[in-house]
Amino acid sequence: MAISILLVDDSKFVRKGIAKELPDILRGRELIFSEACNGNEALELLYVNSYDIVFLDLTMPEKTGYQVLEALKDKGIKANIIVLTADVQPESERIVRSLGAAGYMEKQRPLNRDALMKVLQEMNLL
């Protein structure tokens, strides 16, 4: 069964980095990637499609990750959202989790593979 993944980040390099790592981490599974480079694009996709995993940046143009999470919560849309951000303050994590995020990890270059695997395991996606 294929795993559908939405990558939401204004950085093409971050989106490509995650897309490069996931096939090795989720071995043997067919992965279907969709991408959005801002919060508005993300919401357009999330309103009409269901994804197994959503990687969501907090700081983006047009709508922030916080605003995306609020909009999804308001509409009752639940998703396995992993917030990937450079803003790793305890208050940020508390807020995004209260808005429905299932995972939270620091955005690093290169992508921290071990942290990604840990978050996926915590969400029972590995």
PDB file of N, CA and C in Angstrom:
ATOM      1  N   MET A   1       0.838  -1.182   0.000  1.00  0.00           N
ATOM      2  CA  MET A   1       0.000   0.000   0.000  1.00  0.00           C
ATOM      3  C   MET A   1       0.883   1.246   0.000  1.00  0.00           C
ATOM      4  N   ALA A   2       0.547   2.195  -0.808  1.00  0.00           N
ATOM      5  CA  ALA A   2       1.340   3.416  -0.943  1.00  0.00           C
ATOM      6  C   ALA A   2       1.113   4.337   0.259  1.00  0.00           C
ATOM      7  N   ILE A   3       2.141   5.105   0.575  1.00  0.00           N
ATOM      8  CA  ILE A   3       2.067   6.107   1.634  1.00  0.00           C
ATOM      9  C   ILE A   3       2.069   7.469   0.955  1.00  0.00           C
ATOM     10  N   SER A   4       1.045   8.261   1.225  1.00  0.00           N
ATOM     11  CA  SER A   4       0.963   9.600   0.635  1.00  0.00           C
ATOM     12  C   SER A   4       1.560  10.609   1.616  1.00  0.00           C
ATOM     13  N   ILE A   5       2.428  11.463   1.096  1.00  0.00           N
ATOM     14  CA  ILE A   5       3.180  12.409   1.915  1.00  0.00           C
ATOM     15  C   ILE A   5       3.065  13.798   1.308  1.00  0.00           C
ATOM     16  N   LEU A   6       2.726  14.768   2.152  1.00  0.00           N
ATOM     17  CA  LEU A   6       2.699  16.163   1.735  1.00  0.00           C
ATOM     18  C   LEU A   6       3.855  16.893   2.406  1.00  0.00           C
ATOM     19  N   LEU A   7       4.690  17.523   1.595  1.00  0.00           N
ATOM     20  CA  LEU A   7       5.833  18.295   2.080  1.00  0.00           C
ATOM     21  C   LEU A   7       5.498  19.771   1.946  1.00  0.00           C
ATOM     22  N   VAL A   8       5.416  20.470   3.078  1.00  0.00           N
ATOM     23  CA  VAL A   8       5.035  21.880   3.073  1.00  0.00           C
ATOM     24  C   VAL A   8       6.176  22.696   3.665  1.00  0.00           C
ATOM     25  N   ASP A   9       6.878  23.402   2.812  1.00  0.00           N
ATOM     26  CA  ASP A   9       7.994  24.252   3.250  1.00  0.00           C
ATOM     27  C   ASP A   9       8.286  25.233   2.131  1.00  0.00           C
ATOM     28  N   ASP A  10       8.613  26.464   2.493  1.00  0.00           N
ATOM     29  CA  ASP A  10       8.940  27.440   1.457  1.00  0.00           C
ATOM     30  C   ASP A  10      10.327  27.208   0.877  1.00  0.00           C
ATOM     31  N   SER A  11      11.109  26.316   1.481  1.00  0.00           N
ATOM     32  CA  SER A  11      12.433  25.987   0.963  1.00  0.00           C
ATOM     33  C   SER A  11      12.377  24.713   0.121  1.00  0.00           C
ATOM     34  N   LYS A  12      12.682  24.876  -1.147  1.00  0.00           N
ATOM     35  CA  LYS A  12      12.735  23.725  -2.048  1.00  0.00           C
ATOM     36  C   LYS A  12      13.774  22.719  -1.568  1.00  0.00           C
ATOM     37  N   PHE A  13      14.880  23.212  -0.989  1.00  0.00           N
ATOM     38  CA  PHE A  13      15.943  22.327  -0.518  1.00  0.00           C
ATOM     39  C   PHE A  13      15.475  21.448   0.638  1.00  0.00           C
ATOM     40  N   VAL A  14      14.670  22.006   1.524  1.00  0.00           N
ATOM     41  CA  VAL A  14      14.130  21.212   2.637  1.00  0.00           C
ATOM     42  C   VAL A  14      13.188  20.146   2.101  1.00  0.00           C
ATOM     43  N   ARG A  15      12.298  20.533   1.187  1.00  0.00           N
ATOM     44  CA  ARG A  15      11.360  19.560   0.614  1.00  0.00           C
ATOM     45  C   ARG A  15      12.107  18.427  -0.078  1.00  0.00           C
ATOM     46  N   LYS A  16      13.112  18.777  -0.841  1.00  0.00           N
ATOM     47  CA  LYS A  16      13.895  17.762  -1.561  1.00  0.00           C
ATOM     48  C   LYS A  16      14.690  16.890  -0.602  1.00  0.00           C
ATOM     49  N   GLY A  17      15.190  17.489   0.480  1.00  0.00           N
ATOM     50  CA  GLY A  17      15.952  16.726   1.469  1.00  0.00           C
ATOM     51  C   GLY A  17      15.110  15.663   2.144  1.00  0.00           C
ATOM     52  N   ILE A  18      13.887  16.016   2.504  1.00  0.00           N
ATOM     53  CA  ILE A  18      12.991  15.042   3.125  1.00  0.00           C
ATOM     54  C   ILE A  18      12.625  13.956   2.117  1.00  0.00           C
ATOM     55  N   ALA A  19      12.296  14.372   0.902  1.00  0.00           N
ATOM     56  CA  ALA A  19      11.920  13.409  -0.140  1.00  0.00           C
ATOM     57  C   ALA A  19      13.068  12.456  -0.464  1.00  0.00           C
ATOM     58  N   LYS A  20      14.280  12.907  -0.294  1.00  0.00           N
ATOM     59  CA  LYS A  20      15.448  12.056  -0.557  1.00  0.00           C
ATOM     60  C   LYS A  20      15.654  11.025   0.550  1.00  0.00           C
ATOM     61  N   GLU A  21      15.396  11.406   1.803  1.00  0.00           N
ATOM     62  CA  GLU A  21      15.626  10.521   2.947  1.00  0.00           C
ATOM     63  C   GLU A  21      14.530   9.481   3.157  1.00  0.00           C
ATOM     64  N   LEU A  22      13.299   9.842   2.918  1.00  0.00           N
ATOM     65  CA  LEU A  22      12.182   8.968   3.268  1.00  0.00           C
ATOM     66  C   LEU A  22      12.161   7.610   2.571  1.00  0.00           C
ATOM     67  N   PRO A  23      12.527   7.498   1.293  1.00  0.00           N
ATOM     68  CA  PRO A  23      12.499   6.162   0.682  1.00  0.00           C
ATOM     69  C   PRO A  23      13.405   5.158   1.392  1.00  0.00           C
ATOM     70  N   ASP A  24      14.520   5.617   1.901  1.00  0.00           N
ATOM     71  CA  ASP A  24      15.426   4.713   2.615  1.00  0.00           C
ATOM     72  C   ASP A  24      14.873   4.374   4.000  1.00  0.00           C
ATOM     73  N   ILE A  25      14.256   5.350   4.654  1.00  0.00           N
ATOM     74  CA  ILE A  25      13.701   5.132   5.992  1.00  0.00           C
ATOM     75  C   ILE A  25      12.458   4.241   5.929  1.00  0.00           C
ATOM     76  N   LEU A  26      11.607   4.477   4.956  1.00  0.00           N
ATOM     77  CA  LEU A  26      10.361   3.716   4.793  1.00  0.00           C
ATOM     78  C   LEU A  26      10.535   2.658   3.710  1.00  0.00           C
ATOM     79  N   ARG A  27      11.564   1.895   3.825  1.00  0.00           N
ATOM     80  CA  ARG A  27      11.949   0.891   2.815  1.00  0.00           C
ATOM     81  C   ARG A  27      10.811  -0.038   2.446  1.00  0.00           C
ATOM     82  N   GLY A  28      10.800  -0.356   1.167  1.00  0.00           N
ATOM     83  CA  GLY A  28       9.847  -1.333   0.678  1.00  0.00           C
ATOM     84  C   GLY A  28       8.439  -0.810   0.506  1.00  0.00           C
ATOM     85  N   ARG A  29       8.241   0.465   0.762  1.00  0.00           N
ATOM     86  CA  ARG A  29       6.902   1.032   0.616  1.00  0.00           C
ATOM     87  C   ARG A  29       6.890   2.029  -0.533  1.00  0.00           C
ATOM     88  N   GLU A  30       5.814   2.023  -1.251  1.00  0.00           N
ATOM     89  CA  GLU A  30       5.662   3.004  -2.328  1.00  0.00           C
ATOM     90  C   GLU A  30       5.287   4.340  -1.702  1.00  0.00           C
ATOM     91  N   LEU A  31       6.012   5.385  -2.076  1.00  0.00           N
ATOM     92  CA  LEU A  31       5.767   6.715  -1.537  1.00  0.00           C
ATOM     93  C   LEU A  31       5.259   7.626  -2.639  1.00  0.00           C
ATOM     94  N   ILE A  32       4.215   8.369  -2.328  1.00  0.00           N
ATOM     95  CA  ILE A  32       3.662   9.333  -3.264  1.00  0.00           C
ATOM     96  C   ILE A  32       3.795  10.711  -2.620  1.00  0.00           C
ATOM     97  N   PHE A  33       4.593  11.573  -3.255  1.00  0.00           N
ATOM     98  CA  PHE A  33       4.873  12.890  -2.700  1.00  0.00           C
ATOM     99  C   PHE A  33       4.051  13.974  -3.387  1.00  0.00           C
ATOM    100  N   SER A  34       3.561  14.900  -2.570  1.00  0.00           N
ATOM    101  CA  SER A  34       2.982  16.148  -3.048  1.00  0.00           C
ATOM    102  C   SER A  34       3.734  17.252  -2.321  1.00  0.00           C
ATOM    103  N   GLU A  35       3.780  18.436  -2.926  1.00  0.00           N
ATOM    104  CA  GLU A  35       4.512  19.540  -2.318  1.00  0.00           C
ATOM    105  C   GLU A  35       3.688  20.816  -2.335  1.00  0.00           C
ATOM    106  N   ALA A  36       3.932  21.637  -1.319  1.00  0.00           N
ATOM    107  CA  ALA A  36       3.361  22.978  -1.245  1.00  0.00           C
ATOM    108  C   ALA A  36       4.448  23.898  -0.713  1.00  0.00           C
ATOM    109  N   CYS A  37       4.516  25.110  -1.247  1.00  0.00           N
ATOM    110  CA  CYS A  37       5.581  26.027  -0.821  1.00  0.00           C
ATOM    111  C   CYS A  37       5.075  27.147   0.079  1.00  0.00           C
ATOM    112  N   ASN A  38       3.793  27.113   0.429  1.00  0.00           N
ATOM    113  CA  ASN A  38       3.269  28.085   1.389  1.00  0.00           C
ATOM    114  C   ASN A  38       1.998  27.515   2.018  1.00  0.00           C
ATOM    115  N   GLY A  39       1.519  28.213   3.041  1.00  0.00           N
ATOM    116  CA  GLY A  39       0.364  27.733   3.774  1.00  0.00           C
ATOM    117  C   GLY A  39      -0.918  27.670   2.970  1.00  0.00           C
ATOM    118  N   ASN A  40      -1.123  28.618   2.071  1.00  0.00           N
ATOM    119  CA  ASN A  40      -2.330  28.595   1.239  1.00  0.00           C
ATOM    120  C   ASN A  40      -2.361  27.364   0.340  1.00  0.00           C
ATOM    121  N   GLU A  41      -1.229  27.065  -0.294  1.00  0.00           N
ATOM    122  CA  GLU A  41      -1.161  25.870  -1.143  1.00  0.00           C
ATOM    123  C   GLU A  41      -1.407  24.615  -0.314  1.00  0.00           C
ATOM    124  N   ALA A  42      -0.838  24.588   0.884  1.00  0.00           N
ATOM    125  CA  ALA A  42      -1.020  23.429   1.761  1.00  0.00           C
ATOM    126  C   ALA A  42      -2.496  23.212   2.071  1.00  0.00           C
ATOM    127  N   LEU A  43      -3.191  24.287   2.445  1.00  0.00           N
ATOM    128  CA  LEU A  43      -4.607  24.155   2.774  1.00  0.00           C
ATOM    129  C   LEU A  43      -5.434  23.712   1.574  1.00  0.00           C
ATOM    130  N   GLU A  44      -5.124  24.241   0.394  1.00  0.00           N
ATOM    131  CA  GLU A  44      -5.841  23.814  -0.811  1.00  0.00           C
ATOM    132  C   GLU A  44      -5.737  22.305  -0.981  1.00  0.00           C
ATOM    133  N   LEU A  45      -4.539  21.767  -0.773  1.00  0.00           N
ATOM    134  CA  LEU A  45      -4.330  20.322  -0.916  1.00  0.00           C
ATOM    135  C   LEU A  45      -4.980  19.538   0.218  1.00  0.00           C
ATOM    136  N   LEU A  46      -4.837  20.030   1.445  1.00  0.00           N
ATOM    137  CA  LEU A  46      -5.362  19.310   2.605  1.00  0.00           C
ATOM    138  C   LEU A  46      -6.890  19.312   2.671  1.00  0.00           C
ATOM    139  N   TYR A  47      -7.525  20.297   2.076  1.00  0.00           N
ATOM    140  CA  TYR A  47      -8.985  20.339   2.065  1.00  0.00           C
ATOM    141  C   TYR A  47      -9.586  19.297   1.127  1.00  0.00           C
ATOM    142  N   VAL A  48      -8.830  18.862   0.130  1.00  0.00           N
ATOM    143  CA  VAL A  48      -9.396  17.922  -0.852  1.00  0.00           C
ATOM    144  C   VAL A  48      -8.713  16.562  -0.874  1.00  0.00           C
ATOM    145  N   ASN A  49      -7.588  16.431  -0.204  1.00  0.00           N
ATOM    146  CA  ASN A  49      -6.853  15.165  -0.207  1.00  0.00           C
ATOM    147  C   ASN A  49      -6.557  14.723   1.219  1.00  0.00           C
ATOM    148  N   SER A  50      -6.381  13.432   1.368  1.00  0.00           N
ATOM    149  CA  SER A  50      -5.972  12.863   2.651  1.00  0.00           C
ATOM    150  C   SER A  50      -4.537  12.368   2.492  1.00  0.00           C
ATOM    151  N   TYR A  51      -3.691  12.685   3.471  1.00  0.00           N
ATOM    152  CA  TYR A  51      -2.289  12.274   3.424  1.00  0.00           C
ATOM    153  C   TYR A  51      -1.961  11.436   4.653  1.00  0.00           C
ATOM    154  N   ASP A  52      -1.093  10.463   4.463  1.00  0.00           N
ATOM    155  CA  ASP A  52      -0.657   9.640   5.590  1.00  0.00           C
ATOM    156  C   ASP A  52       0.300  10.408   6.493  1.00  0.00           C
ATOM    157  N   ILE A  53       1.133  11.255   5.900  1.00  0.00           N
ATOM    158  CA  ILE A  53       2.089  12.067   6.654  1.00  0.00           C
ATOM    159  C   ILE A  53       2.157  13.449   6.020  1.00  0.00           C
ATOM    160  N   VAL A  54       2.169  14.482   6.870  1.00  0.00           N
ATOM    161  CA  VAL A  54       2.342  15.859   6.407  1.00  0.00           C
ATOM    162  C   VAL A  54       3.512  16.463   7.173  1.00  0.00           C
ATOM    163  N   PHE A  55       4.503  16.943   6.448  1.00  0.00           N
ATOM    164  CA  PHE A  55       5.609  17.695   7.053  1.00  0.00           C
ATOM    165  C   PHE A  55       5.292  19.166   6.852  1.00  0.00           C
ATOM    166  N   LEU A  56       5.252  19.921   7.951  1.00  0.00           N
ATOM    167  CA  LEU A  56       4.781  21.298   7.907  1.00  0.00           C
ATOM    168  C   LEU A  56       5.782  22.245   8.561  1.00  0.00           C
ATOM    169  N   ASP A  57       6.257  23.201   7.800  1.00  0.00           N
ATOM    170  CA  ASP A  57       7.109  24.266   8.326  1.00  0.00           C
ATOM    171  C   ASP A  57       6.222  25.287   9.025  1.00  0.00           C
ATOM    172  N   LEU A  58       6.758  25.950  10.049  1.00  0.00           N
ATOM    173  CA  LEU A  58       5.982  26.970  10.747  1.00  0.00           C
ATOM    174  C   LEU A  58       6.103  28.348  10.118  1.00  0.00           C
ATOM    175  N   THR A  59       7.275  28.666   9.586  1.00  0.00           N
ATOM    176  CA  THR A  59       7.524  30.016   9.068  1.00  0.00           C
ATOM    177  C   THR A  59       7.508  29.988   7.549  1.00  0.00           C
ATOM    178  N   MET A  60       6.385  30.441   6.986  1.00  0.00           N
ATOM    179  CA  MET A  60       6.212  30.451   5.533  1.00  0.00           C
ATOM    180  C   MET A  60       5.462  31.703   5.125  1.00  0.00           C
ATOM    181  N   PRO A  61       5.559  32.056   3.842  1.00  0.00           N
ATOM    182  CA  PRO A  61       4.780  33.195   3.347  1.00  0.00           C
ATOM    183  C   PRO A  61       3.298  32.843   3.229  1.00  0.00           C
ATOM    184  N   GLU A  62       2.491  33.866   3.158  1.00  0.00           N
ATOM    185  CA  GLU A  62       1.043  33.804   2.961  1.00  0.00           C
ATOM    186  C   GLU A  62       0.295  33.290   4.184  1.00  0.00           C
ATOM    187  N   LYS A  63       0.533  32.063   4.614  1.00  0.00           N
ATOM    188  CA  LYS A  63      -0.029  31.520   5.846  1.00  0.00           C
ATOM    189  C   LYS A  63       1.079  30.737   6.545  1.00  0.00           C
ATOM    190  N   THR A  64       1.209  30.966   7.839  1.00  0.00           N
ATOM    191  CA  THR A  64       2.216  30.233   8.603  1.00  0.00           C
ATOM    192  C   THR A  64       1.730  28.821   8.897  1.00  0.00           C
ATOM    193  N   GLY A  65       2.631  28.009   9.379  1.00  0.00           N
ATOM    194  CA  GLY A  65       2.249  26.669   9.808  1.00  0.00           C
ATOM    195  C   GLY A  65       1.231  26.709  10.935  1.00  0.00           C
ATOM    196  N   TYR A  66       1.373  27.682  11.822  1.00  0.00           N
ATOM    197  CA  TYR A  66       0.384  27.853  12.894  1.00  0.00           C
ATOM    198  C   TYR A  66      -1.010  28.084  12.308  1.00  0.00           C
ATOM    199  N   GLN A  67      -1.088  28.959  11.304  1.00  0.00           N
ATOM    200  CA  GLN A  67      -2.378  29.265  10.683  1.00  0.00           C
ATOM    201  C   GLN A  67      -2.951  28.054   9.952  1.00  0.00           C
ATOM    202  N   VAL A  68      -2.081  27.260   9.346  1.00  0.00           N
ATOM    203  CA  VAL A  68      -2.532  26.034   8.683  1.00  0.00           C
ATOM    204  C   VAL A  68      -3.127  25.090   9.724  1.00  0.00           C
ATOM    205  N   LEU A  69      -2.421  24.890  10.827  1.00  0.00           N
ATOM    206  CA  LEU A  69      -2.923  24.014  11.887  1.00  0.00           C
ATOM    207  C   LEU A  69      -4.248  24.518  12.446  1.00  0.00           C
ATOM    208  N   GLU A  70      -4.371  25.822  12.660  1.00  0.00           N
ATOM    209  CA  GLU A  70      -5.621  26.405  13.167  1.00  0.00           C
ATOM    210  C   GLU A  70      -6.768  26.176  12.190  1.00  0.00           C
ATOM    211  N   ALA A  71      -6.505  26.379  10.901  1.00  0.00           N
ATOM    212  CA  ALA A  71      -7.550  26.194   9.888  1.00  0.00           C
ATOM    213  C   ALA A  71      -8.004  24.738   9.828  1.00  0.00           C
ATOM    214  N   LEU A  72      -7.072  23.814   9.909  1.00  0.00           N
ATOM    215  CA  LEU A  72      -7.426  22.393   9.885  1.00  0.00           C
ATOM    216  C   LEU A  72      -8.232  22.017  11.122  1.00  0.00           C
ATOM    217  N   LYS A  73      -7.814  22.533  12.264  1.00  0.00           N
ATOM    218  CA  LYS A  73      -8.537  22.249  13.507  1.00  0.00           C
ATOM    219  C   LYS A  73      -9.959  22.804  13.434  1.00  0.00           C
ATOM    220  N   ASP A  74     -10.092  24.027  12.920  1.00  0.00           N
ATOM    221  CA  ASP A  74     -11.413  24.644  12.793  1.00  0.00           C
ATOM    222  C   ASP A  74     -12.345  23.835  11.894  1.00  0.00           C
ATOM    223  N   LYS A  75     -11.781  23.199  10.869  1.00  0.00           N
ATOM    224  CA  LYS A  75     -12.600  22.409   9.928  1.00  0.00           C
ATOM    225  C   LYS A  75     -12.737  20.950  10.372  1.00  0.00           C
ATOM    226  N   GLY A  76     -12.062  20.595  11.478  1.00  0.00           N
ATOM    227  CA  GLY A  76     -12.152  19.224  11.969  1.00  0.00           C
ATOM    228  C   GLY A  76     -11.351  18.231  11.151  1.00  0.00           C
ATOM    229  N   ILE A  77     -10.360  18.718  10.423  1.00  0.00           N
ATOM    230  CA  ILE A  77      -9.523  17.849   9.596  1.00  0.00           C
ATOM    231  C   ILE A  77      -8.334  17.383  10.425  1.00  0.00           C
ATOM    232  N   LYS A  78      -8.204  16.071  10.536  1.00  0.00           N
ATOM    233  CA  LYS A  78      -7.090  15.497  11.290  1.00  0.00           C
ATOM    234  C   LYS A  78      -6.099  14.887  10.315  1.00  0.00           C
ATOM    235  N   ALA A  79      -4.819  15.060  10.638  1.00  0.00           N
ATOM    236  CA  ALA A  79      -3.760  14.513   9.791  1.00  0.00           C
ATOM    237  C   ALA A  79      -2.554  14.213  10.664  1.00  0.00           C
ATOM    238  N   ASN A  80      -1.724  13.305  10.215  1.00  0.00           N
ATOM    239  CA  ASN A  80      -0.458  13.012  10.890  1.00  0.00           C
ATOM    240  C   ASN A  80       0.541  14.097  10.495  1.00  0.00           C
ATOM    241  N   ILE A  81       0.507  15.204  11.221  1.00  0.00           N
ATOM    242  CA  ILE A  81       1.347  16.349  10.878  1.00  0.00           C
ATOM    243  C   ILE A  81       2.590  16.369  11.743  1.00  0.00           C
ATOM    244  N   ILE A  82       3.720  16.437  11.070  1.00  0.00           N
ATOM    245  CA  ILE A  82       5.013  16.600  11.739  1.00  0.00           C
ATOM    246  C   ILE A  82       5.469  18.015  11.460  1.00  0.00           C
ATOM    247  N   VAL A  83       5.563  18.812  12.501  1.00  0.00           N
ATOM    248  CA  VAL A  83       6.064  20.172  12.356  1.00  0.00           C
ATOM    249  C   VAL A  83       7.578  20.093  12.301  1.00  0.00           C
ATOM    250  N   LEU A  84       8.131  20.691  11.276  1.00  0.00           N
ATOM    251  CA  LEU A  84       9.571  20.716  11.052  1.00  0.00           C
ATOM    252  C   LEU A  84       9.975  22.180  11.053  1.00  0.00           C
ATOM    253  N   THR A  85      10.702  22.609  12.101  1.00  0.00           N
ATOM    254  CA  THR A  85      10.943  24.031  12.254  1.00  0.00           C
ATOM    255  C   THR A  85      12.285  24.348  12.884  1.00  0.00           C
ATOM    256  N   ALA A  86      12.766  25.549  12.624  1.00  0.00           N
ATOM    257  CA  ALA A  86      13.971  26.043  13.295  1.00  0.00           C
ATOM    258  C   ALA A  86      13.608  26.652  14.645  1.00  0.00           C
ATOM    259  N   ASP A  87      12.320  26.895  14.879  1.00  0.00           N
ATOM    260  CA  ASP A  87      11.840  27.474  16.131  1.00  0.00           C
ATOM    261  C   ASP A  87      11.520  26.348  17.112  1.00  0.00           C
ATOM    262  N   VAL A  88      12.516  25.947  17.902  1.00  0.00           N
ATOM    263  CA  VAL A  88      12.341  24.790  18.783  1.00  0.00           C
ATOM    264  C   VAL A  88      12.143  25.201  20.241  1.00  0.00           C
ATOM    265  N   GLN A  89      11.443  26.289  20.444  1.00  0.00           N
ATOM    266  CA  GLN A  89      11.118  26.728  21.800  1.00  0.00           C
ATOM    267  C   GLN A  89      10.037  25.809  22.384  1.00  0.00           C
ATOM    268  N   PRO A  90      10.135  25.499  23.693  1.00  0.00           N
ATOM    269  CA  PRO A  90       9.112  24.639  24.309  1.00  0.00           C
ATOM    270  C   PRO A  90       7.691  25.174  24.106  1.00  0.00           C
ATOM    271  N   GLU A  91       7.520  26.479  24.121  1.00  0.00           N
ATOM    272  CA  GLU A  91       6.191  27.066  23.927  1.00  0.00           C
ATOM    273  C   GLU A  91       5.659  26.775  22.521  1.00  0.00           C
ATOM    274  N   SER A  92       6.546  26.805  21.529  1.00  0.00           N
ATOM    275  CA  SER A  92       6.125  26.505  20.151  1.00  0.00           C
ATOM    276  C   SER A  92       5.609  25.081  20.045  1.00  0.00           C
ATOM    277  N   GLU A  93       6.338  24.153  20.640  1.00  0.00           N
ATOM    278  CA  GLU A  93       5.901  22.763  20.584  1.00  0.00           C
ATOM    279  C   GLU A  93       4.555  22.589  21.279  1.00  0.00           C
ATOM    280  N   ARG A  94       4.379  23.214  22.422  1.00  0.00           N
ATOM    281  CA  ARG A  94       3.117  23.116  23.151  1.00  0.00           C
ATOM    282  C   ARG A  94       1.959  23.641  22.298  1.00  0.00           C
ATOM    283  N   ILE A  95       2.188  24.777  21.642  1.00  0.00           N
ATOM    284  CA  ILE A  95       1.140  25.388  20.818  1.00  0.00           C
ATOM    285  C   ILE A  95       0.772  24.490  19.641  1.00  0.00           C
ATOM    286  N   VAL A  96       1.767  24.008  18.890  1.00  0.00           N
ATOM    287  CA  VAL A  96       1.442  23.207  17.706  1.00  0.00           C
ATOM    288  C   VAL A  96       0.791  21.881  18.084  1.00  0.00           C
ATOM    289  N   ARG A  97       1.197  21.328  19.201  1.00  0.00           N
ATOM    290  CA  ARG A  97       0.547  20.077  19.638  1.00  0.00           C
ATOM    291  C   ARG A  97      -0.902  20.345  20.051  1.00  0.00           C
ATOM    292  N   SER A  98      -1.155  21.497  20.667  1.00  0.00           N
ATOM    293  CA  SER A  98      -2.534  21.824  21.038  1.00  0.00           C
ATOM    294  C   SER A  98      -3.394  22.078  19.799  1.00  0.00           C
ATOM    295  N   LEU A  99      -2.751  22.428  18.694  1.00  0.00           N
ATOM    296  CA  LEU A  99      -3.457  22.654  17.434  1.00  0.00           C
ATOM    297  C   LEU A  99      -3.577  21.385  16.592  1.00  0.00           C
ATOM    298  N   GLY A 100      -3.046  20.274  17.095  1.00  0.00           N
ATOM    299  CA  GLY A 100      -3.232  19.005  16.402  1.00  0.00           C
ATOM    300  C   GLY A 100      -2.010  18.370  15.787  1.00  0.00           C
ATOM    301  N   ALA A 101      -0.842  18.993  15.903  1.00  0.00           N
ATOM    302  CA  ALA A 101       0.367  18.366  15.352  1.00  0.00           C
ATOM    303  C   ALA A 101       0.691  17.102  16.140  1.00  0.00           C
ATOM    304  N   ALA A 102       1.052  16.050  15.428  1.00  0.00           N
ATOM    305  CA  ALA A 102       1.379  14.777  16.068  1.00  0.00           C
ATOM    306  C   ALA A 102       2.867  14.642  16.358  1.00  0.00           C
ATOM    307  N   GLY A 103       3.688  15.384  15.632  1.00  0.00           N
ATOM    308  CA  GLY A 103       5.131  15.308  15.812  1.00  0.00           C
ATOM    309  C   GLY A 103       5.760  16.674  15.679  1.00  0.00           C
ATOM    310  N   TYR A 104       6.968  16.798  16.209  1.00  0.00           N
ATOM    311  CA  TYR A 104       7.662  18.090  16.227  1.00  0.00           C
ATOM    312  C   TYR A 104       9.156  17.811  16.199  1.00  0.00           C
ATOM    313  N   MET A 105       9.838  18.392  15.235  1.00  0.00           N
ATOM    314  CA  MET A 105      11.288  18.200  15.192  1.00  0.00           C
ATOM    315  C   MET A 105      11.990  19.425  14.633  1.00  0.00           C
ATOM    316  N   GLU A 106      13.246  19.555  15.021  1.00  0.00           N
ATOM    317  CA  GLU A 106      14.056  20.686  14.598  1.00  0.00           C
ATOM    318  C   GLU A 106      14.492  20.524  13.152  1.00  0.00           C
ATOM    319  N   LYS A 107      14.388  21.610  12.414  1.00  0.00           N
ATOM    320  CA  LYS A 107      14.849  21.633  11.032  1.00  0.00           C
ATOM    321  C   LYS A 107      16.352  21.867  11.046  1.00  0.00           C
ATOM    322  N   GLN A 108      17.085  20.952  10.464  1.00  0.00           N
ATOM    323  CA  GLN A 108      18.540  21.068  10.394  1.00  0.00           C
ATOM    324  C   GLN A 108      18.996  20.755   8.981  1.00  0.00           C
ATOM    325  N   ARG A 109      20.156  21.285   8.653  1.00  0.00           N
ATOM    326  CA  ARG A 109      20.794  20.948   7.375  1.00  0.00           C
ATOM    327  C   ARG A 109      22.142  20.344   7.667  1.00  0.00           C
ATOM    328  N   PRO A 110      22.408  19.136   7.240  1.00  0.00           N
ATOM    329  CA  PRO A 110      21.465  18.246   6.557  1.00  0.00           C
ATOM    330  C   PRO A 110      20.392  17.761   7.531  1.00  0.00           C
ATOM    331  N   LEU A 111      19.358  17.187   6.973  1.00  0.00           N
ATOM    332  CA  LEU A 111      18.254  16.676   7.758  1.00  0.00           C
ATOM    333  C   LEU A 111      18.769  15.663   8.777  1.00  0.00           C
ATOM    334  N   ASN A 112      18.313  15.773  10.011  1.00  0.00           N
ATOM    335  CA  ASN A 112      18.706  14.848  11.070  1.00  0.00           C
ATOM    336  C   ASN A 112      17.887  13.566  10.917  1.00  0.00           C
ATOM    337  N   ARG A 113      18.484  12.599  10.294  1.00  0.00           N
ATOM    338  CA  ARG A 113      17.819  11.333   9.982  1.00  0.00           C
ATOM    339  C   ARG A 113      17.342  10.605  11.242  1.00  0.00           C
ATOM    340  N   ASP A 114      18.194  10.599  12.277  1.00  0.00           N
ATOM    341  CA  ASP A 114      17.824   9.914  13.520  1.00  0.00           C
ATOM    342  C   ASP A 114      16.607  10.561  14.170  1.00  0.00           C
ATOM    343  N   ALA A 115      16.566  11.903  14.172  1.00  0.00           N
ATOM    344  CA  ALA A 115      15.418  12.611  14.744  1.00  0.00           C
ATOM    345  C   ALA A 115      14.159  12.317  13.945  1.00  0.00           C
ATOM    346  N   LEU A 116      14.287  12.271  12.632  1.00  0.00           N
ATOM    347  CA  LEU A 116      13.147  11.962  11.776  1.00  0.00           C
ATOM    348  C   LEU A 116      12.631  10.553  12.062  1.00  0.00           C
ATOM    349  N   MET A 117      13.521   9.608  12.168  1.00  0.00           N
ATOM    350  CA  MET A 117      13.120   8.226  12.460  1.00  0.00           C
ATOM    351  C   MET A 117      12.447   8.138  13.834  1.00  0.00           C
ATOM    352  N   LYS A 118      12.964   8.870  14.805  1.00  0.00           N
ATOM    353  CA  LYS A 118      12.376   8.862  16.144  1.00  0.00           C
ATOM    354  C   LYS A 118      10.940   9.395  16.113  1.00  0.00           C
ATOM    355  N   VAL A 119      10.723  10.506  15.407  1.00  0.00           N
ATOM    356  CA  VAL A 119       9.376  11.083  15.315  1.00  0.00           C
ATOM    357  C   VAL A 119       8.434  10.106  14.607  1.00  0.00           C
ATOM    358  N   LEU A 120       8.876   9.493  13.527  1.00  0.00           N
ATOM    359  CA  LEU A 120       8.040   8.530  12.812  1.00  0.00           C
ATOM    360  C   LEU A 120       7.712   7.327  13.693  1.00  0.00           C
ATOM    361  N   GLN A 121       8.668   6.881  14.500  1.00  0.00           N
ATOM    362  CA  GLN A 121       8.417   5.772  15.421  1.00  0.00           C
ATOM    363  C   GLN A 121       7.416   6.171  16.495  1.00  0.00           C
ATOM    364  N   GLU A 122       7.560   7.373  17.047  1.00  0.00           N
ATOM    365  CA  GLU A 122       6.636   7.856  18.081  1.00  0.00           C
ATOM    366  C   GLU A 122       5.209   7.929  17.557  1.00  0.00           C
ATOM    367  N   MET A 123       5.065   8.170  16.269  1.00  0.00           N
ATOM    368  CA  MET A 123       3.748   8.273  15.641  1.00  0.00           C
ATOM    369  C   MET A 123       3.270   6.922  15.098  1.00  0.00           C
ATOM    370  N   ASN A 124       4.040   5.863  15.364  1.00  0.00           N
ATOM    371  CA  ASN A 124       3.737   4.508  14.882  1.00  0.00           C
ATOM    372  C   ASN A 124       3.652   4.440  13.359  1.00  0.00           C
ATOM    373  N   LEU A 125       4.521   5.211  12.703  1.00  0.00           N
ATOM    374  CA  LEU A 125       4.550   5.200  11.245  1.00  0.00           C
ATOM    375  C   LEU A 125       5.713   4.397  10.699  1.00  0.00           C
ATOM    376  N   LEU A 126       6.535   3.867  11.573  1.00  0.00           N
ATOM    377  CA  LEU A 126       7.642   2.996  11.153  1.00  0.00           C
ATOM    378  C   LEU A 126       7.382   1.587  11.585  1.00  0.00           C
TER     379      LEU A 126
END
